[in-house]
C-alpha atoms as a PDB file:
ATOM      1  CA  MET A   1     -86.753 -62.181-132.349  1.00  0.00           C
ATOM      2  CA  ALA A   2     -86.664 -58.717-133.879  1.00  0.00           C
ATOM      3  CA  LYS A   3     -85.951 -58.494-137.575  1.00  0.00           C
ATOM      4  CA  LYS A   4     -82.648 -56.846-138.484  1.00  0.00           C
ATOM      5  CA  PRO A   5     -82.856 -53.785-140.732  1.00  0.00           C
ATOM      6  CA  TYR A   6     -81.558 -54.138-144.275  1.00  0.00           C
ATOM      7  CA  THR A   7     -78.806 -51.560-143.744  1.00  0.00           C
ATOM      8  CA  THR A   8     -77.497 -53.395-140.691  1.00  0.00           C
ATOM      9  CA  MET A   9     -77.328 -56.658-142.601  1.00  0.00           C
ATOM     10  CA  LEU A  10     -75.643 -54.925-145.544  1.00  0.00           C
ATOM     11  CA  LEU A  11     -73.007 -53.252-143.351  1.00  0.00           C
ATOM     12  CA  ALA A  12     -72.281 -56.491-141.494  1.00  0.00           C
ATOM     13  CA  THR A  13     -72.003 -58.441-144.759  1.00  0.00           C
ATOM     14  CA  VAL A  14     -69.638 -55.894-146.315  1.00  0.00           C
ATOM     15  CA  PHE A  15     -67.377 -55.892-143.270  1.00  0.00           C
ATOM     16  CA  LEU A  16     -67.453 -59.686-143.098  1.00  0.00           C
ATOM     17  CA  LEU A  17     -66.368 -59.893-146.745  1.00  0.00           C
ATOM     18  CA  LEU A  18     -63.624 -57.318-146.157  1.00  0.00           C
ATOM     19  CA  GLY A  19     -62.409 -59.332-143.171  1.00  0.00           C
ATOM     20  CA  LEU A  20     -62.322 -62.534-145.217  1.00  0.00           C
ATOM     21  CA  VAL A  21     -60.403 -60.747-147.982  1.00  0.00           C
ATOM     22  CA  GLY A  22     -57.995 -59.559-145.304  1.00  0.00           C
ATOM     23  CA  ILE A  23     -57.450 -63.131-144.114  1.00  0.00           C
ATOM     24  CA  ALA A  24     -56.765 -64.243-147.691  1.00  0.00           C
ATOM     25  CA  ALA A  25     -54.315 -61.352-148.131  1.00  0.00           C
ATOM     26  CA  PHE A  26     -52.641 -62.310-144.845  1.00  0.00           C
ATOM     27  CA  VAL A  27     -52.119 -65.876-146.060  1.00  0.00           C
ATOM     28  CA  VAL A  28     -50.611 -64.633-149.326  1.00  0.00           C
ATOM     29  CA  ALA A  29     -48.388 -62.085-147.572  1.00  0.00           C
ATOM     30  CA  PHE A  30     -47.259 -64.638-145.001  1.00  0.00           C
ATOM     31  CA  GLN A  31     -46.379 -67.184-147.697  1.00  0.00           C
ATOM     32  CA  ALA A  32     -44.468 -64.512-149.601  1.00  0.00           C
ATOM     33  CA  TRP A  33     -42.588 -63.621-146.430  1.00  0.00           C
ATOM     34  CA  LEU A  34     -41.653 -67.262-145.837  1.00  0.00           C
ATOM     35  CA  THR A  35     -40.541 -68.015-149.394  1.00  0.00           C
ATOM     36  CA  THR A  36     -38.910 -64.748-150.494  1.00  0.00           C
ATOM     37  CA  THR A  37     -35.833 -63.366-148.807  1.00  0.00           C
ATOM     38  CA  GLY A  38     -35.857 -59.675-148.133  1.00  0.00           C
ATOM     39  CA  THR A  39     -39.650 -59.464-147.853  1.00  0.00           C
ATOM     40  CA  SER A  40     -40.912 -57.469-144.901  1.00  0.00           C
ATOM     41  CA  SER A  41     -43.293 -59.127-142.477  1.00  0.00           C
ATOM     42  CA  LEU A  42     -44.972 -55.755-142.012  1.00  0.00           C
ATOM     43  CA  ALA A  43     -47.386 -56.443-144.883  1.00  0.00           C
ATOM     44  CA  ALA A  44     -48.522 -59.654-143.200  1.00  0.00           C
ATOM     45  CA  LEU A  45     -49.041 -57.834-139.902  1.00  0.00           C
ATOM     46  CA  PHE A  46     -51.006 -55.036-141.593  1.00  0.00           C
ATOM     47  CA  THR A  47     -53.311 -57.495-143.329  1.00  0.00           C
ATOM     48  CA  LEU A  48     -53.804 -59.446-140.120  1.00  0.00           C
ATOM     49  CA  GLY A  49     -54.742 -56.265-138.255  1.00  0.00           C
ATOM     50  CA  TRP A  50     -57.029 -55.257-141.118  1.00  0.00           C
ATOM     51  CA  SER A  51     -58.880 -58.556-141.158  1.00  0.00           C
ATOM     52  CA  VAL A  52     -59.302 -58.749-137.392  1.00  0.00           C
ATOM     53  CA  THR A  53     -60.614 -55.183-137.230  1.00  0.00           C
ATOM     54  CA  PHE A  54     -63.147 -55.744-139.991  1.00  0.00           C
ATOM     55  CA  LEU A  55     -64.289 -59.118-138.639  1.00  0.00           C
ATOM     56  CA  ALA A  56     -64.817 -57.608-135.180  1.00  0.00           C
ATOM     57  CA  THR A  57     -66.799 -54.782-136.764  1.00  0.00           C
ATOM     58  CA  ALA A  58     -68.977 -57.248-138.682  1.00  0.00           C
ATOM     59  CA  VAL A  59     -69.733 -59.293-135.568  1.00  0.00           C
ATOM     60  CA  LEU A  60     -70.549 -56.257-133.431  1.00  0.00           C
ATOM     61  CA  ILE A  61     -72.775 -54.766-136.127  1.00  0.00           C
ATOM     62  CA  TRP A  62     -74.592 -58.076-136.550  1.00  0.00           C
ATOM     63  CA  LEU A  63     -75.132 -58.372-132.800  1.00  0.00           C
ATOM     64  CA  ARG A  64     -76.294 -54.746-132.644  1.00  0.00           C
ATOM     65  CA  SER A  65     -73.782 -53.864-129.987  1.00  0.00           C
ATOM     66  CA  ARG A  66     -73.649 -50.321-128.684  1.00  0.00           C
ATOM     67  CA  ARG A  67     -69.904 -50.392-129.310  1.00  0.00           C
ATOM     68  CA  ALA A  68     -70.365 -51.193-133.007  1.00  0.00           C
ATOM     69  CA  ALA A  69     -70.281 -47.512-133.972  1.00  0.00           C
ATOM     70  CA  LEU A  70     -66.904 -46.953-132.320  1.00  0.00           C
ATOM     71  CA  VAL A  71     -65.425 -50.111-133.812  1.00  0.00           C
ATOM     72  CA  PHE A  72     -66.789 -49.012-137.191  1.00  0.00           C
ATOM     73  CA  LEU A  73     -64.874 -45.732-136.914  1.00  0.00           C
ATOM     74  CA  ALA A  74     -61.747 -47.615-135.830  1.00  0.00           C
ATOM     75  CA  ALA A  75     -62.002 -49.879-138.882  1.00  0.00           C
ATOM     76  CA  ILE A  76     -62.350 -46.915-141.250  1.00  0.00           C
ATOM     77  CA  GLY A  77     -59.496 -45.110-139.506  1.00  0.00           C
ATOM     78  CA  PHE A  78     -57.305 -48.188-139.786  1.00  0.00           C
ATOM     79  CA  LEU A  79     -58.093 -48.394-143.498  1.00  0.00           C
ATOM     80  CA  LEU A  80     -57.056 -44.760-143.971  1.00  0.00           C
ATOM     81  CA  PHE A  81     -53.903 -45.398-141.934  1.00  0.00           C
ATOM     82  CA  LEU A  82     -52.961 -48.271-144.231  1.00  0.00           C
ATOM     83  CA  ALA A  83     -53.657 -46.126-147.288  1.00  0.00           C
ATOM     84  CA  SER A  84     -51.184 -43.553-146.010  1.00  0.00           C
ATOM     85  CA  TYR A  85     -48.452 -46.204-146.242  1.00  0.00           C
ATOM     86  CA  ILE A  86     -49.527 -47.343-149.705  1.00  0.00           C
ATOM     87  CA  PHE A  87     -49.430 -43.782-151.082  1.00  0.00           C
ATOM     88  CA  PRO A  88     -46.489 -42.047-149.362  1.00  0.00           C
ATOM     89  CA  GLY A  89     -45.580 -38.410-149.619  1.00  0.00           C
ATOM     90  CA  ALA A  90     -47.243 -36.033-152.051  1.00  0.00           C
ATOM     91  CA  GLN A  91     -49.275 -38.811-153.682  1.00  0.00           C
ATOM     92  CA  LEU A  92     -51.454 -38.840-150.597  1.00  0.00           C
ATOM     93  CA  LEU A  93     -52.662 -35.314-151.433  1.00  0.00           C
ATOM     94  CA  LEU A  94     -54.186 -36.647-154.640  1.00  0.00           C
ATOM     95  CA  LEU A  95     -56.402 -38.920-152.571  1.00  0.00           C
ATOM     96  CA  LEU A  96     -57.814 -36.211-150.294  1.00  0.00           C
ATOM     97  CA  PRO A  97     -61.180 -36.080-152.132  1.00  0.00           C
ATOM     98  CA  LEU A  98     -61.459 -39.843-151.736  1.00  0.00           C
ATOM     99  CA  PHE A  99     -60.577 -39.600-148.048  1.00  0.00           C
ATOM    100  CA  GLY A 100     -63.219 -36.899-147.622  1.00  0.00           C
ATOM    101  CA  PHE A 101     -65.807 -39.157-149.239  1.00  0.00           C
ATOM    102  CA  ILE A 102     -64.763 -42.100-147.043  1.00  0.00           C
ATOM    103  CA  LEU A 103     -64.979 -39.932-143.929  1.00  0.00           C
ATOM    104  CA  LEU A 104     -68.444 -38.756-144.976  1.00  0.00           C
ATOM    105  CA  LEU A 105     -69.560 -42.366-145.373  1.00  0.00           C
ATOM    106  CA  ALA A 106     -67.950 -43.212-142.028  1.00  0.00           C
ATOM    107  CA  PHE A 107     -69.847 -40.378-140.340  1.00  0.00           C
ATOM    108  CA  LEU A 108     -73.144 -41.491-141.869  1.00  0.00           C
ATOM    109  CA  GLY A 109     -72.473 -45.120-140.899  1.00  0.00           C
ATOM    110  CA  TYR A 110     -71.566 -44.020-137.371  1.00  0.00           C
ATOM    111  CA  GLN A 111     -74.814 -42.065-137.059  1.00  0.00           C
ATOM    112  CA  HIS A 112     -76.816 -45.037-138.346  1.00  0.00           C
ATOM    113  CA  LEU A 113     -75.146 -47.450-135.953  1.00  0.00           C
ATOM    114  CA  GLN A 114     -75.648 -45.062-133.040  1.00  0.00           C
ATOM    115  CA  ARG A 115     -79.375 -44.919-133.802  1.00  0.00           C
ATOM    116  CA  ALA A 116     -79.599 -48.683-134.301  1.00  0.00           C
ATOM    117  CA  GLY A 117     -77.729 -49.297-131.044  1.00  0.00           C
ATOM    118  CA  SER A 118     -79.934 -46.919-129.076  1.00  0.00           C
ATOM    119  CA  LYS A 119     -83.108 -48.667-130.311  1.00  0.00           C
ATOM    120  CA  THR A 120     -82.048 -51.997-128.829  1.00  0.00           C
ATOM    121  CA  THR A 121     -81.525 -50.706-125.278  1.00  0.00           C
END
């Protein structure tokens, strides 16, 4: 069995931890929705989508799937989509440098996963 590169293990571990945090946030949001009147279930749905996306990314990265790079970009895009709801309006403009940095990291991760996926075929 071929040894997995350190960066692949690190990426998979980070996305696995983010997915588990998303599941914990989903449980908290769902309990808040059940116990508090007037609470939107949208937060629970967002956290569920977040956790599923990141868990799928972790599994595909770990298995060295060729589709891992695309799922990685979808996970980062979903994270930026959620951030646009957390910081509405003009506050989002303050985060543009952070979004640029995240997109740079996403591009570098995509390139790495493309190379790692092409080595296995």
